[in-house]
Amino acid sequence: MAAKRPARQPDQRTAVGQAGRTAVGQAGQTAGTRAGQTAGTRAGQTAGTRAGRTARERARAELTSEIKAEARRQLAAGGAQQLSLRAVARELGMVSSAVYRYFPSRDDLLTALIIDAYDALGEAAEAAAGRLRQTAVRARWTAACHAVRDWAKAHPHEYALIYGSPVPGYQAPQETIGPAGRVPAVIGGTLAAARLPEAAGSEPLPGLLAEQARVVAAAIAPGVPGPVAARALIAWTQLFGMISFELFGQLVGSADPSDDFFGYAVQQMADFVGLPR
């Protein structure tokens, strides 16, 4: 009978290799699990931070809107001089210190209201002229003028804030200039699109006015001759003068209701600046 072969002992290298592979595999799984958990945690934290920030931003925007809405109610009730952050806080059920975190002073709140009013008025004029972009420039002029009046009649207290009596002690900051220029930019854009020649028969402009007209034309109506820009300035002041007279009761007994008067004046102003019929 053949002798039995001794049982084969496992190769140490094989055992070590298997053990190493097993250990590496387990370590890899563990590392992968930990990495996944860490990445997931970080992603969750990041998403939570973003969601939290967005929620805070929304809450701040909503409360800012509520503060300004209450301030507008106070404007309607007592005018800009009576506007008070403490009164706004009281009406909203807030402590005054909370309102000061949004608007550090009454003047900051006034500035926000003024910018909002200028922007809303500018948007109305831009939209009216923009809807008629493919039509004659005179139609755009007419539409913009009527849009300004319509907005003023719908928001008389906000109109008074930007075109009424100055608020004692308040000085409008630089950031109001851009929004205030939106309506003049619509008027200037209309004149620039008309490519008007220098007003026939117009007298030479006095020295200072000639320079002022040049600056105005460069800002809102590039290429428009100085005399035309000067006439546009006259028409601009006439537009807001008429609206102010109407809103503040100065036309009672003369041209009230003012619809026909205003429509006629808008066409006369268009003739005055030289817009073709």
Protein backbone atom coordinates (compact mmCIF):
# COMPACT_ATOMS: atom_id res chain seq x y z
CA MET A 1 0.00 0.00 0.00
CA ALA A 2 1.32 3.34 -0.89
CA ALA A 3 2.23 5.58 1.98
CA LYS A 4 -0.11 8.48 2.62
CA ARG A 5 1.27 11.82 1.62
CA PRO A 6 1.47 14.21 4.47
CA ALA A 7 -1.33 16.76 4.46
CA ARG A 8 -0.34 19.87 2.54
CA GLN A 9 0.32 22.78 4.79
CA PRO A 10 -1.10 26.04 3.66
CA ASP A 11 1.42 28.24 1.93
CA GLN A 12 2.27 31.04 4.33
CA ARG A 13 2.47 33.55 1.50
CA THR A 14 -1.01 32.57 0.33
CA ALA A 15 -2.42 32.88 3.82
CA VAL A 16 -0.77 36.19 4.30
CA GLY A 17 -2.02 37.41 0.94
CA GLN A 18 -5.57 36.35 1.67
CA ALA A 19 -5.41 37.95 5.08
CA GLY A 20 -4.00 41.10 3.55
CA ARG A 21 -6.66 41.24 0.88
CA THR A 22 -9.37 40.65 3.45
CA ALA A 23 -7.96 43.32 5.72
CA VAL A 24 -7.59 45.78 2.85
CA GLY A 25 -11.12 45.04 1.66
CA GLN A 26 -12.55 45.54 5.12
CA ALA A 27 -10.53 48.69 5.57
CA GLY A 28 -11.70 49.97 2.21
CA GLN A 29 -15.31 49.26 3.06
CA THR A 30 -14.90 50.98 6.40
CA ALA A 31 -13.16 53.94 4.84
CA GLY A 32 -15.79 54.15 2.11
CA THR A 33 -18.54 54.01 4.68
CA ARG A 34 -16.93 56.69 6.77
CA ALA A 35 -16.24 58.86 3.74
CA GLY A 36 -19.82 58.47 2.59
CA GLN A 37 -21.10 59.31 6.03
CA THR A 38 -18.81 62.33 6.26
CA ALA A 39 -19.72 63.55 2.79
CA GLY A 40 -23.38 63.04 3.55
CA THR A 41 -23.06 64.92 6.80
CA ARG A 42 -21.25 67.78 5.15
CA ALA A 43 -23.74 67.92 2.30
CA GLY A 44 -26.59 67.89 4.77
CA GLN A 45 -24.99 70.64 6.80
CA THR A 46 -24.38 72.72 3.68
CA ALA A 47 -27.93 72.21 2.43
CA GLY A 48 -29.25 73.04 5.87
CA THR A 49 -27.15 76.19 6.02
CA ARG A 50 -28.38 77.29 2.61
CA ALA A 51 -31.97 76.54 3.48
CA GLY A 52 -31.59 78.37 6.76
CA ARG A 53 -30.00 81.36 5.08
CA THR A 54 -32.70 81.45 2.44
CA ALA A 55 -35.39 81.28 5.09
CA ARG A 56 -33.75 84.13 6.98
CA GLU A 57 -33.46 86.19 3.83
CA ARG A 58 -37.11 85.60 3.02
CA ALA A 59 -38.14 86.54 6.54
CA ARG A 60 -36.05 89.71 6.40
CA ALA A 61 -37.45 90.67 2.99
CA GLU A 62 -41.02 90.12 4.18
CA LEU A 63 -40.53 92.18 7.31
CA THR A 64 -38.79 94.94 5.34
CA SER A 65 -41.79 95.04 3.03
CA GLU A 66 -44.17 95.23 6.00
CA ILE A 67 -42.21 98.09 7.55
CA LYS A 68 -42.30 100.08 4.30
CA ALA A 69 -46.00 99.37 3.81
CA GLU A 70 -46.76 100.73 7.28
CA ALA A 71 -44.55 103.73 6.61
CA ARG A 72 -46.56 104.47 3.46
CA ARG A 73 -49.76 104.34 5.51
CA GLN A 74 -48.23 106.90 7.84
CA LEU A 75 -47.28 109.07 4.88
CA ALA A 76 -50.89 109.03 3.76
CA ALA A 77 -52.14 109.88 7.25
CA GLY A 78 -49.71 112.57 8.34
CA GLY A 79 -47.11 113.26 5.66
CA ALA A 80 -43.38 112.64 5.63
CA GLN A 81 -42.70 115.00 8.53
CA GLN A 82 -44.75 112.82 10.87
CA LEU A 83 -43.06 109.57 9.89
CA SER A 84 -41.65 107.82 12.97
CA LEU A 85 -39.82 104.52 13.34
CA ARG A 86 -41.28 104.10 16.82
CA ALA A 87 -44.80 104.56 15.47
CA VAL A 88 -44.11 102.06 12.69
CA ALA A 89 -42.82 99.54 15.24
CA ARG A 90 -45.84 100.07 17.46
CA GLU A 91 -48.30 99.48 14.61
CA LEU A 92 -46.48 96.29 13.64
CA GLY A 93 -46.33 95.00 17.21
CA MET A 94 -42.53 95.19 17.29
CA VAL A 95 -40.08 96.71 19.69
CA SER A 96 -38.47 99.80 18.20
CA SER A 97 -34.98 98.30 18.48
CA ALA A 98 -36.05 95.57 16.04
CA VAL A 99 -37.05 98.13 13.41
CA TYR A 100 -33.72 99.92 13.83
CA ARG A 101 -31.98 96.74 12.70
CA TYR A 102 -33.69 97.17 9.33
CA PHE A 103 -33.58 100.97 9.08
CA PRO A 104 -31.09 102.66 11.40
CA SER A 105 -32.85 106.02 11.18
CA ARG A 106 -35.99 107.70 9.88
CA ASP A 107 -33.95 109.15 7.03
CA ASP A 108 -32.87 105.65 5.97
CA LEU A 109 -36.52 104.63 5.82
CA LEU A 110 -37.41 107.79 3.89
CA THR A 111 -34.63 107.06 1.41
CA ALA A 112 -35.96 103.54 0.84
CA LEU A 113 -39.47 104.90 0.24
CA ILE A 114 -38.18 107.57 -2.12
CA ILE A 115 -36.19 105.08 -4.18
CA ASP A 116 -39.20 102.75 -4.35
CA ALA A 117 -41.40 105.61 -5.54
CA TYR A 118 -38.97 106.77 -8.21
CA ASP A 119 -38.50 103.18 -9.41
CA ALA A 120 -42.24 102.51 -9.57
CA LEU A 121 -42.86 105.72 -11.49
CA GLY A 122 -39.95 104.99 -13.82
CA GLU A 123 -41.20 101.47 -14.47
CA ALA A 124 -44.64 102.83 -15.40
CA ALA A 125 -43.18 105.30 -17.91
CA GLU A 126 -40.76 102.74 -19.36
CA ALA A 127 -43.48 100.13 -19.77
CA ALA A 128 -45.83 102.58 -21.48
CA ALA A 129 -43.19 103.76 -23.95
CA GLY A 130 -41.81 100.24 -24.42
CA ARG A 131 -45.16 98.84 -25.52
CA LEU A 132 -45.10 101.29 -28.44
CA ARG A 133 -41.46 100.84 -29.36
CA GLN A 134 -42.31 100.02 -32.97
CA THR A 135 -44.62 103.02 -33.41
CA ALA A 136 -44.00 106.72 -34.01
CA VAL A 137 -41.99 108.52 -31.33
CA ARG A 138 -44.84 110.96 -30.71
CA ALA A 139 -47.07 108.07 -29.62
CA ARG A 140 -44.35 106.93 -27.19
CA TRP A 141 -44.05 110.45 -25.81
CA THR A 142 -47.80 110.65 -25.30
CA ALA A 143 -48.01 107.24 -23.65
CA ALA A 144 -45.15 107.99 -21.24
CA CYS A 145 -46.65 111.32 -20.19
CA HIS A 146 -50.04 109.75 -19.50
CA ALA A 147 -48.40 106.88 -17.60
CA VAL A 148 -46.67 109.37 -15.29
CA ARG A 149 -49.97 111.10 -14.58
CA ASP A 150 -51.83 107.82 -14.05
CA TRP A 151 -49.23 106.61 -11.56
CA ALA A 152 -49.29 109.92 -9.69
CA LYS A 153 -53.09 109.83 -9.38
CA ALA A 154 -52.98 106.24 -8.15
CA HIS A 155 -50.18 106.99 -5.61
CA PRO A 156 -50.64 110.64 -4.59
CA HIS A 157 -48.79 110.40 -1.28
CA GLU A 158 -45.78 108.71 -2.82
CA TYR A 159 -45.82 111.29 -5.61
CA ALA A 160 -45.89 114.03 -2.98
CA LEU A 161 -42.89 112.43 -1.27
CA ILE A 162 -40.73 112.81 -4.40
CA TYR A 163 -42.25 115.90 -6.05
CA GLY A 164 -43.89 117.71 -3.17
CA SER A 165 -42.44 119.97 -0.48
CA PRO A 166 -38.96 118.98 0.79
CA VAL A 167 -38.90 117.20 4.14
CA PRO A 168 -37.25 119.50 6.71
CA GLY A 169 -33.86 118.20 7.79
CA TYR A 170 -33.71 115.47 5.16
CA GLN A 171 -31.09 115.45 2.42
CA ALA A 172 -31.49 112.86 -0.30
CA PRO A 173 -28.36 110.71 -0.67
CA GLN A 174 -26.53 109.86 -3.87
CA GLU A 175 -28.36 106.55 -4.37
CA THR A 176 -31.63 108.36 -5.17
CA ILE A 177 -30.18 109.99 -8.29
CA GLY A 178 -30.32 106.93 -10.53
CA PRO A 179 -33.96 106.07 -9.80
CA ALA A 180 -34.93 109.76 -10.11
CA GLY A 181 -33.49 109.82 -13.63
CA ARG A 182 -35.64 107.05 -15.05
CA VAL A 183 -38.51 109.23 -16.29
CA PRO A 184 -36.16 111.85 -17.80
CA ALA A 185 -34.33 108.98 -19.50
CA VAL A 186 -37.60 107.88 -21.15
CA ILE A 187 -38.22 111.42 -22.38
CA GLY A 188 -34.64 111.75 -23.57
CA GLY A 189 -34.74 108.38 -25.29
CA THR A 190 -37.83 109.41 -27.18
CA LEU A 191 -36.15 112.60 -28.40
CA ALA A 192 -32.99 110.73 -29.38
CA ALA A 193 -35.02 108.22 -31.37
CA ALA A 194 -36.75 111.06 -33.24
CA ARG A 195 -33.39 112.34 -34.58
CA LEU A 196 -34.58 115.91 -34.33
CA PRO A 197 -32.67 118.73 -36.03
CA GLU A 198 -31.86 121.87 -34.09
CA ALA A 199 -35.09 123.72 -33.35
CA ALA A 200 -35.86 125.99 -36.28
CA GLY A 201 -35.90 129.67 -35.41
CA SER A 202 -34.75 129.09 -31.84
CA GLU A 203 -32.63 131.74 -30.21
CA PRO A 204 -29.07 130.88 -29.20
CA LEU A 205 -28.98 129.57 -25.66
CA PRO A 206 -27.36 131.74 -22.97
CA GLY A 207 -23.91 130.54 -21.95
CA LEU A 208 -24.76 128.65 -18.74
CA LEU A 209 -27.97 127.19 -20.17
CA ALA A 210 -26.09 126.04 -23.27
CA GLU A 211 -23.67 124.10 -21.07
CA GLN A 212 -26.51 122.68 -18.95
CA ALA A 213 -28.40 121.57 -22.05
CA ARG A 214 -25.26 119.93 -23.39
CA VAL A 215 -24.78 117.98 -20.16
CA VAL A 216 -28.45 116.92 -20.09
CA ALA A 217 -28.36 115.80 -23.72
CA ALA A 218 -25.19 113.79 -23.14
CA ALA A 219 -26.76 112.06 -20.13
CA ILE A 220 -30.21 111.14 -21.43
CA ALA A 221 -30.43 112.03 -25.13
CA PRO A 222 -27.10 111.60 -26.94
CA GLY A 223 -26.99 113.43 -30.25
CA VAL A 224 -29.90 115.75 -29.45
CA PRO A 225 -29.03 119.40 -30.21
CA GLY A 226 -28.72 121.78 -27.26
CA PRO A 227 -31.81 123.88 -28.07
CA VAL A 228 -33.94 120.72 -28.32
CA ALA A 229 -32.58 119.49 -24.97
CA ALA A 230 -33.44 122.88 -23.45
CA ARG A 231 -36.99 122.62 -24.74
CA ALA A 232 -37.20 119.10 -23.36
CA LEU A 233 -36.25 120.49 -19.92
CA ILE A 234 -39.10 122.98 -20.22
CA ALA A 235 -41.52 120.21 -21.23
CA TRP A 236 -40.33 118.02 -18.34
CA THR A 237 -41.01 120.73 -15.77
CA GLN A 238 -44.33 121.47 -17.45
CA LEU A 239 -45.35 117.81 -17.21
CA PHE A 240 -44.73 117.56 -13.48
CA GLY A 241 -46.03 121.06 -12.85
CA MET A 242 -49.38 120.15 -14.42
CA ILE A 243 -49.62 116.91 -12.46
CA SER A 244 -48.76 118.68 -9.20
CA PHE A 245 -51.34 121.39 -9.86
CA GLU A 246 -53.96 118.72 -10.46
CA LEU A 247 -53.11 116.58 -7.43
CA PHE A 248 -52.78 119.47 -5.03
CA GLY A 249 -56.05 121.10 -6.06
CA GLN A 250 -54.64 124.08 -7.93
CA LEU A 251 -56.81 123.51 -11.02
CA VAL A 252 -60.13 123.53 -9.18
CA GLY A 253 -62.36 126.12 -10.78
CA SER A 254 -60.26 126.35 -13.95
CA ALA A 255 -59.34 123.02 -15.57
CA ASP A 256 -60.89 120.44 -13.27
CA PRO A 257 -61.53 117.66 -14.32
CA SER A 258 -58.20 117.85 -16.09
CA ASP A 259 -58.28 115.01 -18.61
CA ASP A 260 -58.81 117.17 -21.70
CA PHE A 261 -56.47 119.87 -20.48
CA PHE A 262 -53.70 117.37 -19.82
CA GLY A 263 -54.13 115.59 -23.16
CA TYR A 264 -54.06 118.90 -25.04
CA ALA A 265 -50.99 120.09 -23.14
CA VAL A 266 -49.08 116.87 -23.85
CA GLN A 267 -49.58 117.40 -27.60
CA GLN A 268 -48.56 121.04 -27.33
CA MET A 269 -45.38 120.00 -25.52
CA ALA A 270 -44.65 117.45 -28.26
CA ASP A 271 -44.97 120.24 -30.84
CA PHE A 272 -42.76 122.48 -28.71
CA VAL A 273 -39.87 120.00 -28.61
CA GLY A 274 -40.30 119.30 -32.34
CA LEU A 275 -41.78 115.78 -32.44
CA PRO A 276 -43.43 115.16 -35.85
CA ARG A 277 -47.15 114.50 -35.98
